Protein backbone atom coordinates (compact mmCIF):
# COMPACT_ATOMS: atom_id res chain seq x y z
CA MET A 1 -12.58 -4.13 23.25
CA VAL A 2 -12.25 -7.81 22.69
CA LYS A 3 -13.36 -9.25 19.31
CA ILE A 4 -14.70 -12.85 19.86
CA THR A 5 -14.45 -15.40 17.33
CA ARG A 6 -16.66 -18.83 17.00
CA VAL A 7 -15.72 -21.70 17.31
CA GLY A 8 -15.04 -23.14 13.74
CA GLU A 9 -14.96 -19.42 12.10
CA GLU A 10 -11.47 -17.99 10.28
CA PRO A 11 -10.20 -14.91 11.71
CA SER A 12 -10.15 -11.66 10.42
CA LEU A 13 -6.85 -11.10 9.08
CA LYS A 14 -5.55 -8.71 6.73
CA LEU A 15 -4.22 -10.75 3.83
CA SER A 16 -3.66 -9.58 -0.36
CA CYS A 17 -3.97 -11.14 -3.33
CA PRO A 18 -0.47 -12.72 -4.16
CA LYS A 19 -1.44 -12.39 -7.76
CA GLY A 20 -1.46 -8.20 -6.94
CA CYS A 21 -5.58 -7.67 -7.05
CA GLY A 22 -5.87 -6.53 -3.48
CA PRO A 23 -7.72 -7.67 0.45
CA LEU A 24 -8.65 -11.01 0.39
CA LYS A 25 -12.30 -11.87 1.75
CA TYR A 26 -13.30 -14.80 4.01
CA GLY A 27 -16.72 -15.97 3.22
CA ARG A 28 -18.78 -18.28 0.37
CA SER A 29 -18.63 -17.18 -3.32
CA LEU A 30 -19.86 -17.94 -6.51
CA ASP A 31 -17.42 -20.40 -7.54
CA ILE A 32 -16.63 -22.59 -4.13
CA ILE A 33 -19.87 -22.70 -2.01
CA ARG A 34 -17.65 -23.40 0.64
CA LYS A 35 -16.53 -20.76 2.69
CA SER A 36 -12.69 -19.77 1.87
CA THR A 37 -10.04 -17.31 1.99
CA HIS A 38 -10.90 -15.84 -1.95
CA CYS A 39 -10.23 -12.90 -4.27
CA LYS A 40 -12.94 -11.39 -5.34
CA LYS A 41 -11.31 -10.21 -8.66
CA CYS A 42 -9.26 -13.35 -9.60
CA LYS A 43 -11.40 -15.86 -7.85
CA GLY A 44 -8.41 -17.23 -6.47
CA ILE A 45 -8.58 -19.23 -2.90
CA MET A 46 -6.08 -19.71 -0.25
CA LEU A 47 -5.90 -22.75 2.05
CA SER A 48 -4.47 -23.12 5.35
CA LYS A 49 -3.30 -26.55 6.06
CA ASN A 50 -6.02 -27.28 8.84
CA GLU A 51 -8.40 -26.11 5.96
CA ILE A 52 -6.55 -28.55 3.40
CA GLU A 53 -7.33 -31.20 6.02
CA LYS A 54 -11.22 -30.25 5.86
CA TRP A 55 -11.73 -29.93 2.17
CA GLU A 56 -10.17 -33.98 2.61
CA LYS A 57 -12.68 -34.91 4.20
CA LYS A 58 -15.56 -33.01 1.81
CA LYS A 59 -17.79 -35.45 0.66
CA ILE A 60 -19.21 -33.41 -2.19
CA PRO A 61 -18.50 -33.38 -5.28
CA VAL A 62 -18.36 -37.18 -5.28
CA ASN A 63 -15.01 -38.77 -5.61
CA ASN A 64 -13.12 -36.37 -3.74
CA LYS A 65 -9.34 -37.33 -4.23
CA MET A 66 -7.73 -34.30 -2.58
CA LYS A 67 -6.80 -36.36 0.60
CA LYS A 68 -4.76 -39.20 -1.75
CA ASN A 69 -3.37 -35.94 -4.15
CA GLU A 70 -1.16 -35.54 -0.28
CA LEU A 71 -0.34 -31.53 -1.45
CA LEU A 72 2.04 -31.00 1.39
CA ALA A 73 4.18 -34.21 0.23
CA PHE A 74 4.39 -32.13 -2.83
CA LEU A 75 5.87 -29.49 -1.37
CA ASN A 76 9.26 -31.14 -1.35
CA ALA A 77 9.46 -31.84 -4.74
CA ALA A 78 8.32 -27.87 -5.75
CA THR A 79 10.16 -24.96 -7.45
CA ASP A 80 10.94 -21.73 -6.18
CA GLY A 81 7.81 -19.38 -7.14
CA PRO A 82 7.11 -15.53 -8.39
CA LEU A 83 4.42 -15.62 -5.76
CA ASP A 84 4.55 -13.79 -2.29
CA CYS A 85 2.61 -16.21 0.24
CA PRO A 86 -0.50 -14.09 1.83
CA LYS A 87 0.48 -14.69 5.26
CA CYS A 88 4.24 -14.49 5.71
CA SER A 89 5.47 -12.67 2.28
CA ARG A 90 7.94 -15.05 1.95
CA LYS A 91 8.42 -16.55 -1.65
CA MET A 92 6.27 -19.34 -2.31
CA LYS A 93 6.99 -22.85 -4.25
CA GLU A 94 5.27 -23.82 -7.45
CA ILE A 95 4.11 -27.54 -7.37
CA HIS A 96 3.74 -28.81 -10.99
CA LEU A 97 1.59 -31.76 -11.39
CA GLU A 98 -0.16 -34.31 -14.07
CA TYR A 99 -2.77 -36.21 -14.37
CA LYS A 100 -4.81 -37.94 -17.44
CA LYS A 101 -8.12 -36.35 -18.73
CA SER A 102 -10.93 -37.76 -20.93
CA ARG A 103 -12.10 -34.97 -23.40
CA THR A 104 -15.20 -33.99 -22.00
CA MET A 105 -14.16 -33.99 -18.93
CA SER A 106 -11.34 -32.13 -19.51
CA ARG A 107 -13.58 -29.50 -21.46
CA HIS A 108 -15.91 -29.50 -17.96
CA GLU A 109 -13.01 -28.11 -16.51
CA ASP A 110 -11.64 -25.82 -19.01
CA MET A 111 -15.33 -24.10 -18.19
CA ALA A 112 -14.61 -23.84 -14.60
CA LYS A 113 -11.56 -22.27 -15.16
CA ASN A 114 -12.44 -19.61 -17.88
CA PRO A 115 -16.35 -19.47 -18.19
CA LYS A 116 -15.99 -16.11 -20.28
CA GLY A 117 -13.88 -17.72 -22.67
CA MET A 118 -15.78 -20.53 -23.03
CA ALA A 119 -19.08 -18.24 -23.19
CA GLY A 120 -19.48 -18.99 -27.01
CA GLU A 121 -20.02 -22.38 -26.71
CA ILE A 122 -21.94 -22.70 -23.45
CA ALA A 123 -24.45 -20.13 -25.56
CA ILE A 124 -24.88 -22.97 -28.51
CA ASP A 125 -25.30 -25.72 -25.78
CA TRP A 126 -28.32 -23.80 -24.43
CA ILE A 127 -30.45 -23.57 -28.09
CA PRO A 128 -33.24 -25.56 -27.96
CA ILE A 129 -33.04 -28.64 -30.32
CA ILE A 130 -30.11 -27.43 -31.87
CA GLY A 131 -28.16 -27.11 -28.78
CA ALA A 132 -28.69 -30.93 -27.86
CA LEU A 133 -27.56 -31.92 -31.47
CA PHE A 134 -24.27 -30.13 -30.92
CA GLN A 135 -23.84 -32.10 -27.39
CA PHE A 136 -24.38 -35.26 -29.04
CA THR A 137 -22.34 -35.09 -31.54
CA ARG A 138 -19.78 -33.37 -29.63
CA PHE A 139 -19.55 -35.81 -26.91
CA ILE A 140 -19.38 -39.19 -29.42
CA GLY A 141 -16.19 -37.15 -30.54
CA GLU A 142 -14.78 -37.08 -28.21
CA VAL A 143 -15.04 -40.43 -26.70
CA GLY A 144 -14.13 -41.71 -30.38
CA GLU A 145 -10.88 -39.73 -29.90
CA ASP A 146 -10.42 -41.05 -26.07
CA LEU A 147 -10.65 -44.37 -27.68
CA THR A 148 -8.32 -43.89 -30.77
CA LYS A 149 -5.54 -41.77 -29.01
CA GLY A 150 -5.80 -42.56 -25.46
CA LYS A 151 -7.15 -39.78 -23.01
CA LEU A 152 -5.67 -36.27 -22.25
CA GLU A 153 -2.12 -35.29 -20.53
CA LYS A 154 -3.12 -32.35 -18.48
CA SER A 155 -0.99 -30.10 -16.01
CA VAL A 156 -1.68 -27.98 -13.15
CA THR A 157 0.66 -25.77 -11.05
CA ILE A 158 -0.45 -24.70 -7.65
CA ASP A 159 1.97 -22.87 -5.22
CA GLY A 160 2.24 -23.45 -1.79
CA CYS A 161 4.38 -21.83 1.34
CA ALA A 162 7.14 -24.08 2.60
CA SER A 163 7.34 -21.85 6.19
CA CYS A 164 3.62 -21.45 6.87
CA PHE A 165 1.90 -24.36 4.83
CA ILE A 166 -0.27 -21.64 3.26
CA PHE A 167 -1.90 -23.04 -0.46
CA TRP A 168 -2.60 -20.67 -3.29
CA PHE A 169 -5.49 -21.83 -6.23
CA ASP A 170 -5.89 -19.76 -9.25
CA ARG A 171 -9.24 -19.83 -10.71
CA GLY A 172 -10.50 -23.62 -11.27
CA GLU A 173 -7.72 -25.23 -10.04
CA ILE A 174 -8.97 -26.69 -6.98
CA VAL A 175 -11.57 -28.28 -9.07
CA GLN A 176 -8.74 -30.32 -10.94
CA ILE A 177 -6.68 -31.34 -7.34
CA MET A 178 -10.16 -32.25 -6.05
CA GLY A 179 -10.98 -34.13 -9.13
CA ASN A 180 -8.32 -36.30 -10.55
CA ASN A 181 -5.15 -38.46 -9.20
CA VAL A 182 -2.29 -36.06 -9.71
CA THR A 183 1.26 -36.78 -9.27
CA THR A 184 4.38 -34.55 -9.97
CA LYS A 185 5.48 -33.24 -13.39
CA SER A 186 8.69 -34.86 -14.67
CA LYS A 187 11.39 -31.99 -14.97
CA ASN A 188 14.11 -34.60 -15.36
CA PRO A 189 16.88 -33.53 -17.87
CA ASP A 190 17.77 -35.51 -20.99
CA VAL A 191 20.70 -37.44 -20.55
CA ASN A 192 23.25 -38.17 -22.85
CA ILE A 193 24.50 -41.70 -23.58
CA ALA A 194 28.43 -41.42 -24.18
CA PRO A 195 29.99 -43.74 -27.05
CA PRO A 196 32.06 -46.84 -25.72
CA ASN A 197 35.40 -46.76 -24.11
CA THR A 198 35.07 -43.29 -23.80
CA GLN A 199 37.17 -41.57 -20.16
CA PRO A 200 34.91 -39.46 -17.97
CA THR A 201 35.21 -35.65 -17.66
CA SER A 202 37.08 -34.99 -14.29
CA GLY A 203 34.40 -33.87 -11.28
CA VAL A 204 31.72 -34.86 -13.45
CA VAL A 205 29.43 -37.83 -12.32
CA THR A 206 28.82 -40.98 -14.62
CA VAL A 207 25.74 -43.43 -15.12
CA SER A 208 25.98 -46.56 -16.33
CA LYS A 209 23.63 -47.58 -19.69
CA SER A 210 21.02 -49.41 -17.38
CA GLU A 211 20.77 -46.88 -15.21
CA VAL A 212 18.84 -44.47 -17.93
CA LYS A 213 15.36 -45.15 -18.80
């Protein structure tokens, strides 16, 4: 008997969570309303190249920055990672990204990534009157810190397969990618400048001081 897959429906593939949780499921989840291949245990999701292109066109939430972030291009600056690709089993690459975020919005991202860890703070927010006062005081404090210290420097590391272009996002990471203008995190080592008239060591490439920023 031949199984027919409807147009727009993801084929039923036997894929396993790269975190070792077990089989992945295709469908909707509480964290991500849109259908995706995801892990019910760790809440991570897997997106293919074609799915990435579809998510780039998604208009909800507003100001989706996924297309501008060009995840496929970031694979060129990725480093070797420990996770196996759910599709081809090759080692995936780790893509280290960074961005800046206000303290209030950063807290919301933290809630999306670890709702259990933020449960106590969320519970206070729902207490009548006291919760409202707590939220207002916290918001004023966060805005003040943003003005005096600048926004927080945030980072996110996602995994991608350079062979079959599969991407894996841990819980909450897809929200970070869609909601921020991310750039590759600098991995350049410190450069030591030699004193004047120092003779270069054999086999070592030298750089002038004007080239070091």
